[in-house]
Amino acid sequence: MASGTSAPPPPASLPRIVAASLIGTTIEWYDNSFDRG
């Protein structure tokens, strides 16, 4: 984590966090499906 604070992120950044995890999951799923052939 880049931030040194232990407080949860403000609600304004929640959509960005959700989008980031969705993108990460999609990339991982893409990688795995391509690895299979």
C-alpha atoms as a PDB file:
ATOM      1  CA  MET A   1       0.000   0.000   0.000  1.00  0.00           C
ATOM      2  CA  ALA A   2       1.316   3.427  -0.891  1.00  0.00           C
ATOM      3  CA  SER A   3      -0.484   5.294   1.889  1.00  0.00           C
ATOM      4  CA  GLY A   4       0.893   5.111   5.422  1.00  0.00           C
ATOM      5  CA  THR A   5      -2.482   5.752   7.059  1.00  0.00           C
ATOM      6  CA  SER A   6      -4.575   2.960   8.497  1.00  0.00           C
ATOM      7  CA  ALA A   7      -7.867   4.801   7.911  1.00  0.00           C
ATOM      8  CA  PRO A   8     -10.217   3.372   5.283  1.00  0.00           C
ATOM      9  CA  PRO A   9     -10.387   5.207   1.957  1.00  0.00           C
ATOM     10  CA  PRO A  10     -13.028   7.926   1.579  1.00  0.00           C
ATOM     11  CA  PRO A  11     -16.262   6.897  -0.153  1.00  0.00           C
ATOM     12  CA  ALA A  12     -15.314   9.084  -3.142  1.00  0.00           C
ATOM     13  CA  SER A  13     -12.502   6.676  -4.077  1.00  0.00           C
ATOM     14  CA  LEU A  14     -14.680   3.574  -3.699  1.00  0.00           C
ATOM     15  CA  PRO A  15     -15.685   3.403  -7.397  1.00  0.00           C
ATOM     16  CA  ARG A  16     -12.011   3.622  -8.358  1.00  0.00           C
ATOM     17  CA  ILE A  17     -11.154   0.750  -6.000  1.00  0.00           C
ATOM     18  CA  VAL A  18     -14.001  -1.378  -7.351  1.00  0.00           C
ATOM     19  CA  ALA A  19     -12.983  -0.629 -10.937  1.00  0.00           C
ATOM     20  CA  ALA A  20      -9.354  -1.464 -10.169  1.00  0.00           C
ATOM     21  CA  SER A  21     -10.207  -4.840  -8.640  1.00  0.00           C
ATOM     22  CA  LEU A  22     -12.558  -5.629 -11.523  1.00  0.00           C
ATOM     23  CA  ILE A  23      -9.847  -4.775 -14.058  1.00  0.00           C
ATOM     24  CA  GLY A  24      -7.292  -6.830 -12.135  1.00  0.00           C
ATOM     25  CA  THR A  25      -9.633  -9.810 -11.979  1.00  0.00           C
ATOM     26  CA  THR A  26     -10.421  -9.519 -15.684  1.00  0.00           C
ATOM     27  CA  ILE A  27      -6.737  -9.404 -16.610  1.00  0.00           C
ATOM     28  CA  GLU A  28      -6.015 -12.423 -14.428  1.00  0.00           C
ATOM     29  CA  TRP A  29      -8.944 -14.340 -15.909  1.00  0.00           C
ATOM     30  CA  TYR A  30      -7.807 -13.355 -19.395  1.00  0.00           C
ATOM     31  CA  ASP A  31      -4.268 -14.536 -18.625  1.00  0.00           C
ATOM     32  CA  ASN A  32      -5.484 -17.874 -17.292  1.00  0.00           C
ATOM     33  CA  SER A  33      -7.807 -18.536 -20.227  1.00  0.00           C
ATOM     34  CA  PHE A  34      -5.017 -17.775 -22.690  1.00  0.00           C
ATOM     35  CA  ASP A  35      -2.620 -20.033 -20.790  1.00  0.00           C
ATOM     36  CA  ARG A  36      -4.997 -22.958 -21.336  1.00  0.00           C
ATOM     37  CA  GLY A  37      -4.802 -22.479 -25.066  1.00  0.00           C
END
